[in-house]
Amino acid sequence: MKKTILKDDNGKSLEVDLKEFLSHLNEYHKTGTTIHTQNGCSFTVNDEFRNKIRKLYEK
């Protein structure tokens, strides 16, 4: 289980399991620009964000 802490659009921190988070992005936020909310945090999901998460997961 590979975890990291992400800062949301408002600077709030959220710890996520990268495998689960990437899987969720691939299923529900695969293309375009969308908003992902989780535990009171909001993330703008776009190609740049998806690439960032993929790179973190591959490290």
PDB file of N, CA and C in Angstrom:
ATOM      1  N   MET A   1       0.852  -1.173   0.000  1.00  0.00           N
ATOM      2  CA  MET A   1       0.000   0.000   0.000  1.00  0.00           C
ATOM      3  C   MET A   1       0.900   1.238   0.000  1.00  0.00           C
ATOM      4  N   LYS A   2       0.786   2.028  -1.054  1.00  0.00           N
ATOM      5  CA  LYS A   2       1.605   3.227  -1.200  1.00  0.00           C
ATOM      6  C   LYS A   2       0.730   4.444  -0.962  1.00  0.00           C
ATOM      7  N   LYS A   3       1.031   5.176   0.100  1.00  0.00           N
ATOM      8  CA  LYS A   3       0.223   6.340   0.450  1.00  0.00           C
ATOM      9  C   LYS A   3       1.024   7.623   0.249  1.00  0.00           C
ATOM     10  N   THR A   4       0.283   8.706   0.016  1.00  0.00           N
ATOM     11  CA  THR A   4       0.885  10.025  -0.076  1.00  0.00           C
ATOM     12  C   THR A   4      -0.113  11.044   0.430  1.00  0.00           C
ATOM     13  N   ILE A   5       0.374  12.228   0.728  1.00  0.00           N
ATOM     14  CA  ILE A   5      -0.495  13.311   1.157  1.00  0.00           C
ATOM     15  C   ILE A   5      -0.605  14.307   0.010  1.00  0.00           C
ATOM     16  N   LEU A   6      -1.841  14.597  -0.379  1.00  0.00           N
ATOM     17  CA  LEU A   6      -2.117  15.554  -1.445  1.00  0.00           C
ATOM     18  C   LEU A   6      -2.727  16.807  -0.848  1.00  0.00           C
ATOM     19  N   LYS A   7      -2.453  17.935  -1.459  1.00  0.00           N
ATOM     20  CA  LYS A   7      -3.100  19.197  -1.090  1.00  0.00           C
ATOM     21  C   LYS A   7      -4.233  19.433  -2.082  1.00  0.00           C
ATOM     22  N   ASP A   8      -5.418  19.720  -1.576  1.00  0.00           N
ATOM     23  CA  ASP A   8      -6.553  19.953  -2.461  1.00  0.00           C
ATOM     24  C   ASP A   8      -6.511  21.375  -3.013  1.00  0.00           C
ATOM     25  N   ASP A   9      -7.553  21.758  -3.756  1.00  0.00           N
ATOM     26  CA  ASP A   9      -7.614  23.073  -4.389  1.00  0.00           C
ATOM     27  C   ASP A   9      -7.561  24.216  -3.387  1.00  0.00           C
ATOM     28  N   ASN A  10      -7.913  23.946  -2.138  1.00  0.00           N
ATOM     29  CA  ASN A  10      -7.920  24.974  -1.101  1.00  0.00           C
ATOM     30  C   ASN A  10      -6.736  24.857  -0.140  1.00  0.00           C
ATOM     31  N   GLY A  11      -5.802  23.952  -0.443  1.00  0.00           N
ATOM     32  CA  GLY A  11      -4.626  23.786   0.401  1.00  0.00           C
ATOM     33  C   GLY A  11      -4.806  22.825   1.559  1.00  0.00           C
ATOM     34  N   LYS A  12      -5.958  22.159   1.630  1.00  0.00           N
ATOM     35  CA  LYS A  12      -6.224  21.192   2.700  1.00  0.00           C
ATOM     36  C   LYS A  12      -5.529  19.870   2.365  1.00  0.00           C
ATOM     37  N   SER A  13      -4.937  19.224   3.355  1.00  0.00           N
ATOM     38  CA  SER A  13      -4.200  17.975   3.149  1.00  0.00           C
ATOM     39  C   SER A  13      -5.105  16.762   3.280  1.00  0.00           C
ATOM     40  N   LEU A  14      -4.839  15.762   2.433  1.00  0.00           N
ATOM     41  CA  LEU A  14      -5.571  14.496   2.476  1.00  0.00           C
ATOM     42  C   LEU A  14      -4.609  13.365   2.165  1.00  0.00           C
ATOM     43  N   GLU A  15      -4.567  12.349   3.030  1.00  0.00           N
ATOM     44  CA  GLU A  15      -3.744  11.169   2.775  1.00  0.00           C
ATOM     45  C   GLU A  15      -4.556  10.200   1.922  1.00  0.00           C
ATOM     46  N   VAL A  16      -3.950   9.726   0.827  1.00  0.00           N
ATOM     47  CA  VAL A  16      -4.630   8.783  -0.061  1.00  0.00           C
ATOM     48  C   VAL A  16      -3.732   7.588  -0.342  1.00  0.00           C
ATOM     49  N   ASP A  17      -4.369   6.458  -0.602  1.00  0.00           N
ATOM     50  CA  ASP A  17      -3.684   5.281  -1.117  1.00  0.00           C
ATOM     51  C   ASP A  17      -3.601   5.492  -2.629  1.00  0.00           C
ATOM     52  N   LEU A  18      -2.401   5.594  -3.164  1.00  0.00           N
ATOM     53  CA  LEU A  18      -2.233   5.951  -4.576  1.00  0.00           C
ATOM     54  C   LEU A  18      -2.865   4.942  -5.528  1.00  0.00           C
ATOM     55  N   LYS A  19      -2.780   3.663  -5.225  1.00  0.00           N
ATOM     56  CA  LYS A  19      -3.372   2.643  -6.104  1.00  0.00           C
ATOM     57  C   LYS A  19      -4.887   2.818  -6.172  1.00  0.00           C
ATOM     58  N   GLU A  20      -5.520   2.961  -5.019  1.00  0.00           N
ATOM     59  CA  GLU A  20      -6.974   3.140  -4.980  1.00  0.00           C
ATOM     60  C   GLU A  20      -7.391   4.457  -5.625  1.00  0.00           C
ATOM     61  N   PHE A  21      -6.637   5.518  -5.364  1.00  0.00           N
ATOM     62  CA  PHE A  21      -6.965   6.837  -5.891  1.00  0.00           C
ATOM     63  C   PHE A  21      -6.840   6.845  -7.412  1.00  0.00           C
ATOM     64  N   LEU A  22      -5.757   6.265  -7.934  1.00  0.00           N
ATOM     65  CA  LEU A  22      -5.556   6.203  -9.375  1.00  0.00           C
ATOM     66  C   LEU A  22      -6.635   5.348 -10.032  1.00  0.00           C
ATOM     67  N   SER A  23      -6.997   4.260  -9.399  1.00  0.00           N
ATOM     68  CA  SER A  23      -8.069   3.403  -9.917  1.00  0.00           C
ATOM     69  C   SER A  23      -9.380   4.183  -9.996  1.00  0.00           C
ATOM     70  N   HIS A  24      -9.680   4.949  -8.968  1.00  0.00           N
ATOM     71  CA  HIS A  24     -10.896   5.764  -8.947  1.00  0.00           C
ATOM     72  C   HIS A  24     -10.856   6.810 -10.065  1.00  0.00           C
ATOM     73  N   LEU A  25      -9.722   7.480 -10.222  1.00  0.00           N
ATOM     74  CA  LEU A  25      -9.593   8.484 -11.280  1.00  0.00           C
ATOM     75  C   LEU A  25      -9.808   7.857 -12.652  1.00  0.00           C
ATOM     76  N   ASN A  26      -9.236   6.677 -12.855  1.00  0.00           N
ATOM     77  CA  ASN A  26      -9.380   6.001 -14.151  1.00  0.00           C
ATOM     78  C   ASN A  26     -10.813   5.572 -14.428  1.00  0.00           C
ATOM     79  N   GLU A  27     -11.571   5.282 -13.378  1.00  0.00           N
ATOM     80  CA  GLU A  27     -12.956   4.847 -13.562  1.00  0.00           C
ATOM     81  C   GLU A  27     -13.935   6.016 -13.671  1.00  0.00           C
ATOM     82  N   TYR A  28     -13.782   7.021 -12.832  1.00  0.00           N
ATOM     83  CA  TYR A  28     -14.787   8.081 -12.739  1.00  0.00           C
ATOM     84  C   TYR A  28     -14.357   9.445 -13.292  1.00  0.00           C
ATOM     85  N   HIS A  29     -13.051   9.635 -13.495  1.00  0.00           N
ATOM     86  CA  HIS A  29     -12.541  10.938 -13.931  1.00  0.00           C
ATOM     87  C   HIS A  29     -11.529  10.752 -15.067  1.00  0.00           C
ATOM     88  N   LYS A  30     -11.841   9.851 -15.993  1.00  0.00           N
ATOM     89  CA  LYS A  30     -10.880   9.431 -17.016  1.00  0.00           C
ATOM     90  C   LYS A  30     -10.520  10.531 -18.012  1.00  0.00           C
ATOM     91  N   THR A  31     -11.472  11.376 -18.375  1.00  0.00           N
ATOM     92  CA  THR A  31     -11.209  12.406 -19.384  1.00  0.00           C
ATOM     93  C   THR A  31     -11.813  13.739 -18.961  1.00  0.00           C
ATOM     94  N   GLY A  32     -11.364  14.790 -19.628  1.00  0.00           N
ATOM     95  CA  GLY A  32     -11.923  16.116 -19.382  1.00  0.00           C
ATOM     96  C   GLY A  32     -11.498  16.680 -18.044  1.00  0.00           C
ATOM     97  N   THR A  33     -12.241  17.685 -17.616  1.00  0.00           N
ATOM     98  CA  THR A  33     -11.989  18.330 -16.331  1.00  0.00           C
ATOM     99  C   THR A  33     -13.199  18.120 -15.436  1.00  0.00           C
ATOM    100  N   THR A  34     -12.966  17.514 -14.284  1.00  0.00           N
ATOM    101  CA  THR A  34     -14.035  17.226 -13.324  1.00  0.00           C
ATOM    102  C   THR A  34     -13.555  17.607 -11.930  1.00  0.00           C
ATOM    103  N   ILE A  35     -14.450  17.540 -10.978  1.00  0.00           N
ATOM    104  CA  ILE A  35     -14.114  17.789  -9.569  1.00  0.00           C
ATOM    105  C   ILE A  35     -14.284  16.482  -8.794  1.00  0.00           C
ATOM    106  N   HIS A  36     -13.251  16.119  -8.062  1.00  0.00           N
ATOM    107  CA  HIS A  36     -13.308  14.955  -7.171  1.00  0.00           C
ATOM    108  C   HIS A  36     -13.358  15.487  -5.749  1.00  0.00           C
ATOM    109  N   THR A  37     -14.347  15.030  -4.973  1.00  0.00           N
ATOM    110  CA  THR A  37     -14.434  15.409  -3.564  1.00  0.00           C
ATOM    111  C   THR A  37     -14.283  14.165  -2.701  1.00  0.00           C
ATOM    112  N   GLN A  38     -13.552  14.334  -1.599  1.00  0.00           N
ATOM    113  CA  GLN A  38     -13.313  13.213  -0.688  1.00  0.00           C
ATOM    114  C   GLN A  38     -12.974  13.779   0.685  1.00  0.00           C
ATOM    115  N   ASN A  39     -13.699  13.353   1.687  1.00  0.00           N
ATOM    116  CA  ASN A  39     -13.446  13.761   3.076  1.00  0.00           C
ATOM    117  C   ASN A  39     -13.308  15.275   3.225  1.00  0.00           C
ATOM    118  N   GLY A  40     -14.173  16.024   2.574  1.00  0.00           N
ATOM    119  CA  GLY A  40     -14.157  17.475   2.687  1.00  0.00           C
ATOM    120  C   GLY A  40     -13.112  18.173   1.837  1.00  0.00           C
ATOM    121  N   CYS A  41     -12.395  17.422   1.017  1.00  0.00           N
ATOM    122  CA  CYS A  41     -11.386  17.994   0.113  1.00  0.00           C
ATOM    123  C   CYS A  41     -11.902  17.953  -1.315  1.00  0.00           C
ATOM    124  N   SER A  42     -11.525  18.962  -2.103  1.00  0.00           N
ATOM    125  CA  SER A  42     -11.925  19.036  -3.513  1.00  0.00           C
ATOM    126  C   SER A  42     -10.693  19.157  -4.393  1.00  0.00           C
ATOM    127  N   PHE A  43     -10.657  18.339  -5.436  1.00  0.00           N
ATOM    128  CA  PHE A  43      -9.552  18.344  -6.386  1.00  0.00           C
ATOM    129  C   PHE A  43     -10.096  18.566  -7.790  1.00  0.00           C
ATOM    130  N   THR A  44      -9.491  19.494  -8.525  1.00  0.00           N
ATOM    131  CA  THR A  44      -9.817  19.654  -9.935  1.00  0.00           C
ATOM    132  C   THR A  44      -9.014  18.598 -10.678  1.00  0.00           C
ATOM    133  N   VAL A  45      -9.725  17.676 -11.330  1.00  0.00           N
ATOM    134  CA  VAL A  45      -9.075  16.572 -12.034  1.00  0.00           C
ATOM    135  C   VAL A  45      -9.046  16.898 -13.524  1.00  0.00           C
ATOM    136  N   ASN A  46      -7.823  17.035 -14.042  1.00  0.00           N
ATOM    137  CA  ASN A  46      -7.618  17.264 -15.468  1.00  0.00           C
ATOM    138  C   ASN A  46      -6.401  16.433 -15.886  1.00  0.00           C
ATOM    139  N   ASP A  47      -5.966  16.576 -17.131  1.00  0.00           N
ATOM    140  CA  ASP A  47      -4.833  15.775 -17.601  1.00  0.00           C
ATOM    141  C   ASP A  47      -3.584  15.993 -16.744  1.00  0.00           C
ATOM    142  N   GLU A  48      -3.324  17.222 -16.362  1.00  0.00           N
ATOM    143  CA  GLU A  48      -2.147  17.528 -15.541  1.00  0.00           C
ATOM    144  C   GLU A  48      -2.222  16.806 -14.192  1.00  0.00           C
ATOM    145  N   PHE A  49      -3.389  16.839 -13.552  1.00  0.00           N
ATOM    146  CA  PHE A  49      -3.564  16.178 -12.255  1.00  0.00           C
ATOM    147  C   PHE A  49      -3.434  14.659 -12.401  1.00  0.00           C
ATOM    148  N   ARG A  50      -4.073  14.083 -13.441  1.00  0.00           N
ATOM    149  CA  ARG A  50      -3.980  12.638 -13.654  1.00  0.00           C
ATOM    150  C   ARG A  50      -2.527  12.211 -13.873  1.00  0.00           C
ATOM    151  N   ASN A  51      -1.773  12.986 -14.658  1.00  0.00           N
ATOM    152  CA  ASN A  51      -0.352  12.672 -14.892  1.00  0.00           C
ATOM    153  C   ASN A  51       0.452  12.759 -13.608  1.00  0.00           C
ATOM    154  N   LYS A  52       0.162  13.745 -12.778  1.00  0.00           N
ATOM    155  CA  LYS A  52       0.854  13.901 -11.491  1.00  0.00           C
ATOM    156  C   LYS A  52       0.643  12.668 -10.614  1.00  0.00           C
ATOM    157  N   ILE A  53      -0.605  12.194 -10.535  1.00  0.00           N
ATOM    158  CA  ILE A  53      -0.910  11.021  -9.699  1.00  0.00           C
ATOM    159  C   ILE A  53      -0.241   9.767 -10.273  1.00  0.00           C
ATOM    160  N   ARG A  54      -0.269   9.600 -11.595  1.00  0.00           N
ATOM    161  CA  ARG A  54       0.397   8.450 -12.228  1.00  0.00           C
ATOM    162  C   ARG A  54       1.891   8.435 -11.905  1.00  0.00           C
ATOM    163  N   LYS A  55       2.533   9.596 -11.999  1.00  0.00           N
ATOM    164  CA  LYS A  55       3.973   9.676 -11.712  1.00  0.00           C
ATOM    165  C   LYS A  55       4.273   9.350 -10.259  1.00  0.00           C
ATOM    166  N   LEU A  56       3.445   9.841  -9.342  1.00  0.00           N
ATOM    167  CA  LEU A  56       3.629   9.507  -7.930  1.00  0.00           C
ATOM    168  C   LEU A  56       3.480   8.005  -7.696  1.00  0.00           C
ATOM    169  N   TYR A  57       2.513   7.391  -8.370  1.00  0.00           N
ATOM    170  CA  TYR A  57       2.267   5.963  -8.205  1.00  0.00           C
ATOM    171  C   TYR A  57       3.443   5.142  -8.763  1.00  0.00           C
ATOM    172  N   GLU A  58       4.018   5.589  -9.882  1.00  0.00           N
ATOM    173  CA  GLU A  58       5.091   4.831 -10.527  1.00  0.00           C
ATOM    174  C   GLU A  58       6.436   4.953  -9.823  1.00  0.00           C
ATOM    175  N   LYS A  59       6.597   5.930  -8.924  1.00  0.00           N
ATOM    176  CA  LYS A  59       7.870   6.097  -8.193  1.00  0.00           C
ATOM    177  C   LYS A  59       8.172   4.902  -7.325  1.00  0.00           C
TER     178      LYS A  59
END
